[in-house]
Amino acid sequence: MKQKILTKPDFVGTLRAMVVGEEAAFENVGRNYQSFVSARAPLHSKGLGKWQIESKGDTIAITRIS
């Protein structure tokens, strides 16, 4: 099931709220994909977790790896 971002998007907060092994899907509208990828970079570099982010048509699939 796709989740909708209902308020001002907090891409870093959304990624940090995911637990290891969790998969989530979001609407791929506007700059959402690039915003998730940009939010992931500082989290990876600080060692706060790893996420796999894929664009699948109108859906962004995100899996937290660690």
N, C-alpha and C. Protein backbone atom coordinates (compact mmCIF):
# COMPACT_ATOMS: atom_id res chain seq x y z
N MET A 1 0.84 -1.18 0.00
CA MET A 1 0.00 0.00 0.00
C MET A 1 0.89 1.24 0.00
N LYS A 2 0.58 2.17 -0.89
CA LYS A 2 1.34 3.41 -0.95
C LYS A 2 0.94 4.31 0.20
N GLN A 3 1.91 4.96 0.79
CA GLN A 3 1.65 5.92 1.84
C GLN A 3 1.71 7.31 1.24
N LYS A 4 0.87 8.20 1.71
CA LYS A 4 0.87 9.58 1.22
C LYS A 4 1.56 10.48 2.22
N ILE A 5 2.28 11.44 1.71
CA ILE A 5 2.88 12.47 2.55
C ILE A 5 1.82 13.55 2.68
N LEU A 6 1.30 13.73 3.89
CA LEU A 6 0.15 14.60 4.07
C LEU A 6 0.51 16.03 4.48
N THR A 7 1.67 16.25 5.01
CA THR A 7 2.08 17.58 5.45
C THR A 7 3.40 17.92 4.76
N LYS A 8 4.01 19.00 5.20
CA LYS A 8 5.32 19.34 4.64
C LYS A 8 6.24 18.15 4.84
N PRO A 9 6.81 17.63 3.76
CA PRO A 9 7.61 16.42 3.86
C PRO A 9 8.85 16.59 4.74
N ASP A 10 9.08 15.63 5.60
CA ASP A 10 10.30 15.55 6.40
C ASP A 10 11.00 14.27 5.96
N PHE A 11 11.79 14.38 4.90
CA PHE A 11 12.39 13.19 4.30
C PHE A 11 13.38 12.52 5.23
N VAL A 12 14.20 13.28 5.94
CA VAL A 12 15.16 12.72 6.89
C VAL A 12 14.39 12.02 8.02
N GLY A 13 13.38 12.68 8.55
CA GLY A 13 12.57 12.10 9.62
C GLY A 13 11.86 10.83 9.20
N THR A 14 11.38 10.81 7.96
CA THR A 14 10.70 9.62 7.43
C THR A 14 11.67 8.45 7.36
N LEU A 15 12.88 8.70 6.87
CA LEU A 15 13.87 7.62 6.78
C LEU A 15 14.30 7.15 8.17
N ARG A 16 14.53 8.07 9.08
CA ARG A 16 14.98 7.69 10.43
C ARG A 16 13.90 6.93 11.19
N ALA A 17 12.62 7.18 10.89
CA ALA A 17 11.53 6.51 11.59
C ALA A 17 11.36 5.05 11.16
N MET A 18 11.95 4.69 10.04
CA MET A 18 11.84 3.31 9.57
C MET A 18 12.72 2.39 10.42
N VAL A 19 12.24 1.18 10.68
CA VAL A 19 13.03 0.19 11.41
C VAL A 19 13.74 -0.71 10.40
N VAL A 20 14.84 -1.31 10.83
CA VAL A 20 15.62 -2.18 9.95
C VAL A 20 14.73 -3.29 9.41
N GLY A 21 14.79 -3.48 8.09
CA GLY A 21 13.99 -4.49 7.42
C GLY A 21 12.65 -3.98 6.92
N GLU A 22 12.25 -2.80 7.35
CA GLU A 22 10.96 -2.24 6.94
C GLU A 22 11.02 -1.80 5.48
N GLU A 23 9.91 -2.03 4.78
CA GLU A 23 9.75 -1.57 3.41
C GLU A 23 8.59 -0.60 3.37
N ALA A 24 8.74 0.47 2.60
CA ALA A 24 7.67 1.46 2.48
C ALA A 24 7.59 1.92 1.03
N ALA A 25 6.40 2.34 0.62
CA ALA A 25 6.20 2.85 -0.73
C ALA A 25 5.53 4.21 -0.64
N PHE A 26 6.00 5.13 -1.46
CA PHE A 26 5.48 6.49 -1.48
C PHE A 26 5.19 6.90 -2.92
N GLU A 27 4.31 7.88 -3.10
CA GLU A 27 4.03 8.41 -4.42
C GLU A 27 5.27 9.09 -4.98
N ASN A 28 5.54 8.84 -6.23
CA ASN A 28 6.68 9.46 -6.90
C ASN A 28 6.17 10.69 -7.66
N VAL A 29 6.00 11.78 -6.94
CA VAL A 29 5.52 13.02 -7.54
C VAL A 29 6.53 14.13 -7.25
N GLY A 30 6.59 15.09 -8.16
CA GLY A 30 7.49 16.22 -7.96
C GLY A 30 8.93 15.77 -7.76
N ARG A 31 9.54 16.29 -6.72
CA ARG A 31 10.94 15.99 -6.42
C ARG A 31 11.09 15.00 -5.26
N ASN A 32 10.07 14.23 -4.99
CA ASN A 32 10.12 13.31 -3.85
C ASN A 32 11.29 12.33 -3.94
N TYR A 33 11.51 11.73 -5.12
CA TYR A 33 12.58 10.75 -5.25
C TYR A 33 13.94 11.40 -4.93
N GLN A 34 14.23 12.52 -5.59
CA GLN A 34 15.51 13.19 -5.37
C GLN A 34 15.64 13.66 -3.93
N SER A 35 14.55 14.07 -3.32
CA SER A 35 14.59 14.53 -1.92
C SER A 35 14.92 13.38 -0.98
N PHE A 36 14.37 12.18 -1.21
CA PHE A 36 14.71 11.03 -0.39
C PHE A 36 16.18 10.65 -0.57
N VAL A 37 16.66 10.68 -1.81
CA VAL A 37 18.07 10.34 -2.07
C VAL A 37 18.99 11.35 -1.39
N SER A 38 18.63 12.64 -1.46
CA SER A 38 19.44 13.67 -0.81
C SER A 38 19.40 13.55 0.71
N ALA A 39 18.26 13.16 1.26
CA ALA A 39 18.13 12.99 2.71
C ALA A 39 18.94 11.79 3.19
N ARG A 40 19.06 10.78 2.35
CA ARG A 40 19.78 9.56 2.72
C ARG A 40 21.28 9.80 2.85
N ALA A 41 21.86 10.66 2.01
CA ALA A 41 23.31 10.85 1.95
C ALA A 41 23.95 11.20 3.30
N PRO A 42 23.47 12.23 4.00
CA PRO A 42 24.12 12.55 5.28
C PRO A 42 23.89 11.47 6.35
N LEU A 43 22.78 10.77 6.28
CA LEU A 43 22.53 9.69 7.23
C LEU A 43 23.52 8.55 7.01
N HIS A 44 23.78 8.22 5.74
CA HIS A 44 24.77 7.19 5.42
C HIS A 44 26.15 7.61 5.91
N SER A 45 26.53 8.85 5.60
CA SER A 45 27.89 9.29 5.94
C SER A 45 28.12 9.39 7.44
N LYS A 46 27.06 9.63 8.21
CA LYS A 46 27.18 9.69 9.67
C LYS A 46 27.02 8.32 10.32
N GLY A 47 26.78 7.30 9.51
CA GLY A 47 26.63 5.95 10.03
C GLY A 47 25.33 5.72 10.78
N LEU A 48 24.30 6.46 10.43
CA LEU A 48 23.01 6.35 11.13
C LEU A 48 22.06 5.34 10.50
N GLY A 49 22.48 4.68 9.46
CA GLY A 49 21.65 3.67 8.81
C GLY A 49 21.91 3.62 7.33
N LYS A 50 21.33 2.61 6.68
CA LYS A 50 21.43 2.47 5.23
C LYS A 50 20.05 2.15 4.69
N TRP A 51 19.73 2.76 3.57
CA TRP A 51 18.44 2.58 2.92
C TRP A 51 18.64 2.31 1.45
N GLN A 52 17.80 1.45 0.89
CA GLN A 52 17.77 1.23 -0.55
C GLN A 52 16.54 1.97 -1.07
N ILE A 53 16.75 2.85 -2.04
CA ILE A 53 15.66 3.66 -2.59
C ILE A 53 15.59 3.40 -4.08
N GLU A 54 14.41 2.97 -4.55
CA GLU A 54 14.21 2.67 -5.97
C GLU A 54 12.98 3.39 -6.48
N SER A 55 13.07 3.89 -7.70
CA SER A 55 11.94 4.51 -8.37
C SER A 55 11.32 3.48 -9.29
N LYS A 56 10.05 3.19 -9.08
CA LYS A 56 9.34 2.20 -9.90
C LYS A 56 8.09 2.86 -10.48
N GLY A 57 8.27 3.58 -11.57
CA GLY A 57 7.14 4.27 -12.19
C GLY A 57 6.63 5.38 -11.29
N ASP A 58 5.40 5.24 -10.83
CA ASP A 58 4.79 6.28 -9.99
C ASP A 58 4.97 5.99 -8.50
N THR A 59 5.89 5.07 -8.17
CA THR A 59 6.10 4.67 -6.79
C THR A 59 7.58 4.75 -6.43
N ILE A 60 7.86 5.17 -5.22
CA ILE A 60 9.22 5.14 -4.67
C ILE A 60 9.21 4.03 -3.61
N ALA A 61 10.04 3.02 -3.81
CA ALA A 61 10.15 1.90 -2.87
C ALA A 61 11.40 2.10 -2.03
N ILE A 62 11.23 2.11 -0.71
CA ILE A 62 12.35 2.31 0.21
C ILE A 62 12.42 1.15 1.18
N THR A 63 13.62 0.60 1.35
CA THR A 63 13.87 -0.47 2.31
C THR A 63 15.02 -0.04 3.20
N ARG A 64 14.83 -0.16 4.52
CA ARG A 64 15.93 0.14 5.44
C ARG A 64 16.75 -1.13 5.60
N ILE A 65 18.03 -1.03 5.30
CA ILE A 65 18.94 -2.18 5.31
C ILE A 65 19.63 -2.31 6.66
N SER A 66 20.03 -1.19 7.24
CA SER A 66 20.69 -1.25 8.57
C SER A 66 20.44 0.04 9.31
